[in-house]
Amino acid sequence: MSEQVVFSQLSRKFIDENDATPAEAQQVVYYSLAIGHHLGVIDCLEAALTCPWDEYLAWIATLEAGSDARRKMEGVPKYGVIVIDFSHVQLLARAFDEARAAQTPQQQEWSKLMLSMLYDIHQESAIYLMVRRLRD
């Protein structure tokens, strides 16, 4: 059985509806989306980074021991899934940037991609990452 960790990034949202929304109600739909109500809204996630389980554990071990960033990333082994949103951007960006000097070339590539995804979230706060452990 192989295990891996997949980072999926929000790529788009759409409203699940069978009937066209009347023009009078369209503003209510837009307002609901703007304030974060997801009733009838489907998030489309796209895999952005995949790494083998053991290599993921070695990668996050390069983050400062006991740090909030490391605890956040250790949520994957503990819970099987974590969500990274706008509130985590600064914390994780700093940690992954600082860890690059001690990382292998492969880990540095993953950190570079992670920093790019965090930048995307910083630019558009509606974007988030779902990081989950997959077992085949």
N, C-alpha and C. Protein backbone atom coordinates (compact mmCIF):
# COMPACT_ATOMS: atom_id res chain seq x y z
N MET A 1 0.85 -1.17 0.00
CA MET A 1 0.00 0.00 0.00
C MET A 1 0.90 1.24 0.00
N SER A 2 0.66 2.13 -0.95
CA SER A 2 1.44 3.37 -0.97
C SER A 2 0.60 4.51 -0.42
N GLU A 3 1.28 5.39 0.25
CA GLU A 3 0.60 6.55 0.82
C GLU A 3 1.23 7.80 0.25
N GLN A 4 0.41 8.83 0.12
CA GLN A 4 0.91 10.11 -0.36
C GLN A 4 0.11 11.24 0.26
N VAL A 5 0.66 12.43 0.15
CA VAL A 5 -0.02 13.63 0.62
C VAL A 5 -0.30 14.49 -0.60
N VAL A 6 -1.55 14.92 -0.72
CA VAL A 6 -1.97 15.73 -1.86
C VAL A 6 -2.41 17.10 -1.37
N PHE A 7 -1.83 18.13 -1.96
CA PHE A 7 -2.22 19.51 -1.72
C PHE A 7 -3.16 19.89 -2.85
N SER A 8 -4.42 20.14 -2.54
CA SER A 8 -5.39 20.55 -3.55
C SER A 8 -5.73 22.02 -3.33
N GLN A 9 -5.77 22.77 -4.42
CA GLN A 9 -6.00 24.21 -4.35
C GLN A 9 -7.35 24.53 -4.98
N LEU A 10 -8.08 25.45 -4.34
CA LEU A 10 -9.34 25.90 -4.91
C LEU A 10 -9.07 26.50 -6.27
N SER A 11 -9.73 25.98 -7.31
CA SER A 11 -9.52 26.51 -8.65
C SER A 11 -10.71 27.32 -9.14
N ARG A 12 -11.91 26.98 -8.67
CA ARG A 12 -13.09 27.75 -9.04
C ARG A 12 -14.26 27.34 -8.16
N LYS A 13 -15.31 28.15 -8.21
CA LYS A 13 -16.54 27.87 -7.48
C LYS A 13 -17.69 28.00 -8.48
N PHE A 14 -18.72 27.22 -8.27
CA PHE A 14 -19.92 27.44 -9.06
C PHE A 14 -21.14 27.11 -8.23
N ILE A 15 -22.25 27.64 -8.68
CA ILE A 15 -23.51 27.45 -7.97
C ILE A 15 -24.23 26.26 -8.57
N ASP A 16 -24.59 25.33 -7.73
CA ASP A 16 -25.33 24.15 -8.16
C ASP A 16 -26.80 24.52 -8.18
N GLU A 17 -27.32 24.66 -9.38
CA GLU A 17 -28.73 25.05 -9.49
C GLU A 17 -29.34 24.39 -10.71
N ASN A 18 -30.58 23.99 -10.58
CA ASN A 18 -31.30 23.38 -11.69
C ASN A 18 -32.03 24.42 -12.51
N ASP A 19 -32.48 25.46 -11.88
CA ASP A 19 -33.23 26.51 -12.58
C ASP A 19 -32.40 27.78 -12.60
N ALA A 20 -32.61 28.57 -13.61
CA ALA A 20 -31.92 29.86 -13.69
C ALA A 20 -32.38 30.74 -12.54
N THR A 21 -31.45 31.45 -11.94
CA THR A 21 -31.78 32.36 -10.85
C THR A 21 -32.41 33.62 -11.42
N PRO A 22 -33.59 34.00 -10.91
CA PRO A 22 -34.21 35.24 -11.40
C PRO A 22 -33.28 36.44 -11.18
N ALA A 23 -33.34 37.39 -12.06
CA ALA A 23 -32.47 38.57 -11.98
C ALA A 23 -32.60 39.27 -10.64
N GLU A 24 -33.82 39.31 -10.07
CA GLU A 24 -34.04 39.99 -8.80
C GLU A 24 -33.27 39.30 -7.66
N ALA A 25 -33.07 38.02 -7.77
CA ALA A 25 -32.40 37.27 -6.71
C ALA A 25 -30.89 37.14 -6.92
N GLN A 26 -30.41 37.49 -8.10
CA GLN A 26 -28.99 37.30 -8.41
C GLN A 26 -28.09 38.07 -7.44
N GLN A 27 -28.48 39.28 -7.04
CA GLN A 27 -27.67 40.06 -6.11
C GLN A 27 -27.57 39.37 -4.75
N VAL A 28 -28.63 38.70 -4.34
CA VAL A 28 -28.61 37.96 -3.08
C VAL A 28 -27.60 36.82 -3.18
N VAL A 29 -27.56 36.15 -4.32
CA VAL A 29 -26.61 35.06 -4.54
C VAL A 29 -25.19 35.61 -4.45
N TYR A 30 -24.92 36.72 -5.13
CA TYR A 30 -23.58 37.31 -5.10
C TYR A 30 -23.20 37.73 -3.68
N TYR A 31 -24.15 38.31 -2.95
CA TYR A 31 -23.89 38.72 -1.58
C TYR A 31 -23.56 37.51 -0.71
N SER A 32 -24.33 36.43 -0.88
CA SER A 32 -24.09 35.21 -0.11
C SER A 32 -22.70 34.66 -0.36
N LEU A 33 -22.27 34.69 -1.61
CA LEU A 33 -20.92 34.23 -1.94
C LEU A 33 -19.87 35.13 -1.30
N ALA A 34 -20.12 36.43 -1.33
CA ALA A 34 -19.15 37.40 -0.81
C ALA A 34 -18.94 37.25 0.69
N ILE A 35 -19.99 36.91 1.43
CA ILE A 35 -19.84 36.80 2.88
C ILE A 35 -19.52 35.37 3.32
N GLY A 36 -19.34 34.47 2.34
CA GLY A 36 -18.85 33.15 2.68
C GLY A 36 -19.90 32.07 2.86
N HIS A 37 -21.14 32.37 2.56
CA HIS A 37 -22.16 31.33 2.65
C HIS A 37 -22.02 30.41 1.45
N HIS A 38 -21.98 29.12 1.71
CA HIS A 38 -21.73 28.17 0.65
C HIS A 38 -22.93 27.29 0.35
N LEU A 39 -24.11 27.73 0.71
CA LEU A 39 -25.30 26.96 0.44
C LEU A 39 -25.49 26.85 -1.07
N GLY A 40 -25.38 25.65 -1.59
CA GLY A 40 -25.54 25.45 -3.02
C GLY A 40 -24.32 25.80 -3.84
N VAL A 41 -23.20 26.10 -3.17
CA VAL A 41 -21.97 26.45 -3.88
C VAL A 41 -21.02 25.26 -3.81
N ILE A 42 -20.48 24.91 -4.95
CA ILE A 42 -19.55 23.79 -5.02
C ILE A 42 -18.15 24.32 -5.27
N ASP A 43 -17.21 23.92 -4.41
CA ASP A 43 -15.81 24.30 -4.58
C ASP A 43 -15.13 23.24 -5.44
N CYS A 44 -14.41 23.69 -6.45
CA CYS A 44 -13.66 22.78 -7.30
C CYS A 44 -12.19 22.86 -6.91
N LEU A 45 -11.67 21.75 -6.42
CA LEU A 45 -10.27 21.69 -5.99
C LEU A 45 -9.46 20.94 -7.04
N GLU A 46 -8.24 21.40 -7.24
CA GLU A 46 -7.35 20.80 -8.22
C GLU A 46 -6.03 20.44 -7.54
N ALA A 47 -5.56 19.21 -7.75
CA ALA A 47 -4.29 18.79 -7.14
C ALA A 47 -3.16 19.68 -7.66
N ALA A 48 -2.42 20.27 -6.73
CA ALA A 48 -1.33 21.18 -7.09
C ALA A 48 0.04 20.63 -6.70
N LEU A 49 0.07 19.73 -5.72
CA LEU A 49 1.32 19.16 -5.24
C LEU A 49 1.02 17.79 -4.63
N THR A 50 1.80 16.81 -5.02
CA THR A 50 1.67 15.46 -4.46
C THR A 50 3.06 14.99 -4.05
N CYS A 51 3.16 14.46 -2.84
CA CYS A 51 4.45 13.92 -2.41
C CYS A 51 4.23 12.63 -1.63
N PRO A 52 5.18 11.70 -1.73
CA PRO A 52 5.07 10.45 -0.97
C PRO A 52 5.03 10.73 0.54
N TRP A 53 4.31 9.88 1.25
CA TRP A 53 4.07 10.05 2.68
C TRP A 53 5.36 10.24 3.48
N ASP A 54 6.31 9.32 3.33
CA ASP A 54 7.55 9.40 4.10
C ASP A 54 8.33 10.68 3.79
N GLU A 55 8.30 11.08 2.52
CA GLU A 55 9.00 12.30 2.13
C GLU A 55 8.30 13.55 2.67
N TYR A 56 6.96 13.48 2.77
CA TYR A 56 6.23 14.59 3.38
C TYR A 56 6.66 14.76 4.84
N LEU A 57 6.74 13.64 5.55
CA LEU A 57 7.14 13.70 6.96
C LEU A 57 8.55 14.28 7.11
N ALA A 58 9.46 13.88 6.23
CA ALA A 58 10.83 14.42 6.28
C ALA A 58 10.84 15.91 5.93
N TRP A 59 9.99 16.31 5.00
CA TRP A 59 9.91 17.72 4.58
C TRP A 59 9.44 18.60 5.73
N ILE A 60 8.33 18.21 6.38
CA ILE A 60 7.83 19.07 7.46
C ILE A 60 8.73 19.02 8.69
N ALA A 61 9.56 17.98 8.78
CA ALA A 61 10.53 17.91 9.89
C ALA A 61 11.61 18.98 9.75
N THR A 62 11.72 19.60 8.57
CA THR A 62 12.70 20.69 8.39
C THR A 62 12.18 22.01 8.96
N LEU A 63 10.88 22.07 9.28
CA LEU A 63 10.33 23.26 9.91
C LEU A 63 10.77 23.29 11.37
N GLU A 64 10.87 24.47 11.93
CA GLU A 64 11.35 24.61 13.31
C GLU A 64 10.52 23.76 14.28
N ALA A 65 11.20 22.94 15.05
CA ALA A 65 10.53 22.07 16.03
C ALA A 65 9.73 22.90 17.02
N GLY A 66 8.50 22.47 17.28
CA GLY A 66 7.64 23.15 18.24
C GLY A 66 6.97 24.41 17.73
N SER A 67 7.26 24.80 16.49
CA SER A 67 6.67 26.03 15.95
C SER A 67 5.20 25.80 15.57
N ASP A 68 4.44 26.89 15.52
CA ASP A 68 3.04 26.81 15.10
C ASP A 68 2.93 26.28 13.67
N ALA A 69 3.87 26.66 12.82
CA ALA A 69 3.85 26.20 11.43
C ALA A 69 4.02 24.68 11.36
N ARG A 70 4.95 24.18 12.12
CA ARG A 70 5.17 22.72 12.11
C ARG A 70 3.96 22.00 12.69
N ARG A 71 3.39 22.53 13.77
CA ARG A 71 2.18 21.92 14.35
C ARG A 71 1.05 21.90 13.32
N LYS A 72 0.92 22.98 12.56
CA LYS A 72 -0.13 23.03 11.53
C LYS A 72 0.07 21.91 10.52
N MET A 73 1.28 21.77 10.01
CA MET A 73 1.55 20.76 8.99
C MET A 73 1.51 19.34 9.56
N GLU A 74 1.76 19.20 10.85
CA GLU A 74 1.65 17.89 11.51
C GLU A 74 0.19 17.47 11.70
N GLY A 75 -0.73 18.35 11.35
CA GLY A 75 -2.15 18.00 11.38
C GLY A 75 -2.49 16.92 10.37
N VAL A 76 -1.73 16.83 9.28
CA VAL A 76 -2.00 15.79 8.29
C VAL A 76 -1.78 14.40 8.89
N PRO A 77 -0.62 14.12 9.51
CA PRO A 77 -0.49 12.80 10.14
C PRO A 77 -1.48 12.58 11.29
N LYS A 78 -1.80 13.64 12.00
CA LYS A 78 -2.66 13.52 13.17
C LYS A 78 -4.14 13.33 12.80
N TYR A 79 -4.63 14.15 11.84
CA TYR A 79 -6.05 14.15 11.50
C TYR A 79 -6.37 13.59 10.12
N GLY A 80 -5.36 13.49 9.26
CA GLY A 80 -5.60 13.01 7.90
C GLY A 80 -5.87 14.10 6.90
N VAL A 81 -6.23 15.29 7.38
CA VAL A 81 -6.52 16.40 6.48
C VAL A 81 -6.37 17.72 7.24
N ILE A 82 -5.89 18.74 6.55
CA ILE A 82 -5.87 20.10 7.09
C ILE A 82 -6.31 21.06 6.00
N VAL A 83 -6.73 22.23 6.41
CA VAL A 83 -7.06 23.31 5.48
C VAL A 83 -6.11 24.46 5.76
N ILE A 84 -5.55 25.01 4.70
CA ILE A 84 -4.68 26.18 4.81
C ILE A 84 -5.40 27.33 4.12
N ASP A 85 -5.67 28.38 4.90
CA ASP A 85 -6.37 29.53 4.34
C ASP A 85 -5.57 30.80 4.61
N PHE A 86 -6.20 31.93 4.36
CA PHE A 86 -5.54 33.23 4.47
C PHE A 86 -4.91 33.45 5.84
N SER A 87 -5.54 32.92 6.88
CA SER A 87 -5.03 33.14 8.24
C SER A 87 -3.69 32.42 8.50
N HIS A 88 -3.32 31.49 7.64
CA HIS A 88 -2.07 30.74 7.82
C HIS A 88 -0.93 31.22 6.93
N VAL A 89 -1.21 32.13 6.01
CA VAL A 89 -0.24 32.51 4.98
C VAL A 89 1.08 33.01 5.56
N GLN A 90 1.04 34.02 6.41
CA GLN A 90 2.28 34.61 6.93
C GLN A 90 3.08 33.59 7.74
N LEU A 91 2.41 32.88 8.61
CA LEU A 91 3.06 31.88 9.45
C LEU A 91 3.79 30.83 8.62
N LEU A 92 3.09 30.25 7.65
CA LEU A 92 3.68 29.18 6.86
C LEU A 92 4.71 29.69 5.86
N ALA A 93 4.46 30.85 5.27
CA ALA A 93 5.43 31.40 4.30
C ALA A 93 6.77 31.65 4.98
N ARG A 94 6.74 32.23 6.14
CA ARG A 94 7.98 32.50 6.88
C ARG A 94 8.70 31.18 7.21
N ALA A 95 7.95 30.21 7.69
CA ALA A 95 8.54 28.94 8.11
C ALA A 95 9.16 28.17 6.94
N PHE A 96 8.43 28.08 5.83
CA PHE A 96 8.97 27.34 4.68
C PHE A 96 10.14 28.08 4.04
N ASP A 97 10.09 29.39 4.04
CA ASP A 97 11.21 30.16 3.49
C ASP A 97 12.47 29.96 4.34
N GLU A 98 12.32 30.02 5.65
CA GLU A 98 13.47 29.85 6.55
C GLU A 98 14.03 28.43 6.50
N ALA A 99 13.19 27.45 6.24
CA ALA A 99 13.62 26.05 6.24
C ALA A 99 14.38 25.65 4.98
N ARG A 100 14.25 26.42 3.91
CA ARG A 100 14.83 26.01 2.62
C ARG A 100 16.34 25.76 2.68
N ALA A 101 17.05 26.50 3.50
CA ALA A 101 18.52 26.34 3.57
C ALA A 101 18.92 24.95 4.05
N ALA A 102 18.09 24.31 4.85
CA ALA A 102 18.42 22.99 5.40
C ALA A 102 17.74 21.85 4.64
N GLN A 103 17.08 22.16 3.54
CA GLN A 103 16.31 21.15 2.83
C GLN A 103 17.08 20.53 1.67
N THR A 104 16.64 19.34 1.28
CA THR A 104 17.18 18.69 0.09
C THR A 104 16.67 19.44 -1.14
N PRO A 105 17.28 19.23 -2.31
CA PRO A 105 16.77 19.89 -3.53
C PRO A 105 15.28 19.61 -3.78
N GLN A 106 14.84 18.37 -3.56
CA GLN A 106 13.42 18.04 -3.76
C GLN A 106 12.54 18.81 -2.78
N GLN A 107 12.93 18.87 -1.52
CA GLN A 107 12.17 19.61 -0.51
C GLN A 107 12.15 21.10 -0.85
N GLN A 108 13.24 21.62 -1.37
CA GLN A 108 13.29 23.03 -1.77
C GLN A 108 12.29 23.31 -2.89
N GLU A 109 12.16 22.36 -3.82
CA GLU A 109 11.17 22.52 -4.90
C GLU A 109 9.76 22.54 -4.34
N TRP A 110 9.48 21.64 -3.40
CA TRP A 110 8.16 21.63 -2.77
C TRP A 110 7.91 22.92 -2.00
N SER A 111 8.93 23.40 -1.30
CA SER A 111 8.78 24.65 -0.55
C SER A 111 8.54 25.82 -1.49
N LYS A 112 9.22 25.82 -2.62
CA LYS A 112 9.02 26.88 -3.61
C LYS A 112 7.58 26.87 -4.12
N LEU A 113 7.06 25.68 -4.41
CA LEU A 113 5.67 25.56 -4.85
C LEU A 113 4.71 25.95 -3.74
N MET A 114 5.01 25.54 -2.52
CA MET A 114 4.18 25.92 -1.36
C MET A 114 4.14 27.44 -1.22
N LEU A 115 5.28 28.09 -1.34
CA LEU A 115 5.33 29.55 -1.24
C LEU A 115 4.52 30.20 -2.35
N SER A 116 4.54 29.61 -3.53
CA SER A 116 3.75 30.13 -4.64
C SER A 116 2.25 29.99 -4.35
N MET A 117 1.84 28.86 -3.80
CA MET A 117 0.42 28.67 -3.46
C MET A 117 0.00 29.62 -2.34
N LEU A 118 0.88 29.83 -1.37
CA LEU A 118 0.57 30.78 -0.29
C LEU A 118 0.46 32.20 -0.84
N TYR A 119 1.28 32.54 -1.82
CA TYR A 119 1.19 33.85 -2.46
C TYR A 119 -0.16 34.00 -3.15
N ASP A 120 -0.62 32.94 -3.82
CA ASP A 120 -1.94 32.98 -4.47
C ASP A 120 -3.04 33.27 -3.45
N ILE A 121 -2.95 32.63 -2.30
CA ILE A 121 -3.95 32.86 -1.24
C ILE A 121 -3.85 34.30 -0.73
N HIS A 122 -2.63 34.79 -0.59
CA HIS A 122 -2.43 36.18 -0.14
C HIS A 122 -3.06 37.16 -1.13
N GLN A 123 -2.95 36.87 -2.41
CA GLN A 123 -3.51 37.75 -3.44
C GLN A 123 -5.03 37.65 -3.52
N GLU A 124 -5.58 36.47 -3.26
CA GLU A 124 -7.03 36.25 -3.33
C GLU A 124 -7.44 35.39 -2.14
N SER A 125 -7.97 36.04 -1.13
CA SER A 125 -8.23 35.36 0.15
C SER A 125 -9.31 34.28 0.07
N ALA A 126 -10.06 34.21 -1.02
CA ALA A 126 -11.06 33.14 -1.16
C ALA A 126 -10.41 31.80 -1.49
N ILE A 127 -9.17 31.83 -1.97
CA ILE A 127 -8.45 30.60 -2.30
C ILE A 127 -8.00 29.92 -1.01
N TYR A 128 -8.02 28.61 -1.01
CA TYR A 128 -7.49 27.85 0.13
C TYR A 128 -6.90 26.54 -0.38
N LEU A 129 -6.16 25.88 0.48
CA LEU A 129 -5.59 24.57 0.17
C LEU A 129 -6.20 23.53 1.09
N MET A 130 -6.47 22.37 0.56
CA MET A 130 -6.84 21.23 1.37
C MET A 130 -5.70 20.23 1.22
N VAL A 131 -5.11 19.85 2.33
CA VAL A 131 -3.97 18.94 2.33
C VAL A 131 -4.44 17.65 2.99
N ARG A 132 -4.35 16.54 2.25
CA ARG A 132 -4.86 15.30 2.83
C ARG A 132 -3.97 14.11 2.51
N ARG A 133 -4.06 13.17 3.40
CA ARG A 133 -3.31 11.91 3.29
C ARG A 133 -4.17 10.93 2.50
N LEU A 134 -3.58 10.34 1.47
CA LEU A 134 -4.29 9.35 0.66
C LEU A 134 -3.58 8.02 0.77
N ARG A 135 -4.38 6.98 0.94
CA ARG A 135 -3.84 5.61 0.99
C ARG A 135 -4.42 4.84 -0.18
N ASP A 136 -3.54 4.17 -0.92
CA ASP A 136 -4.01 3.35 -2.06
C ASP A 136 -4.43 1.98 -1.60
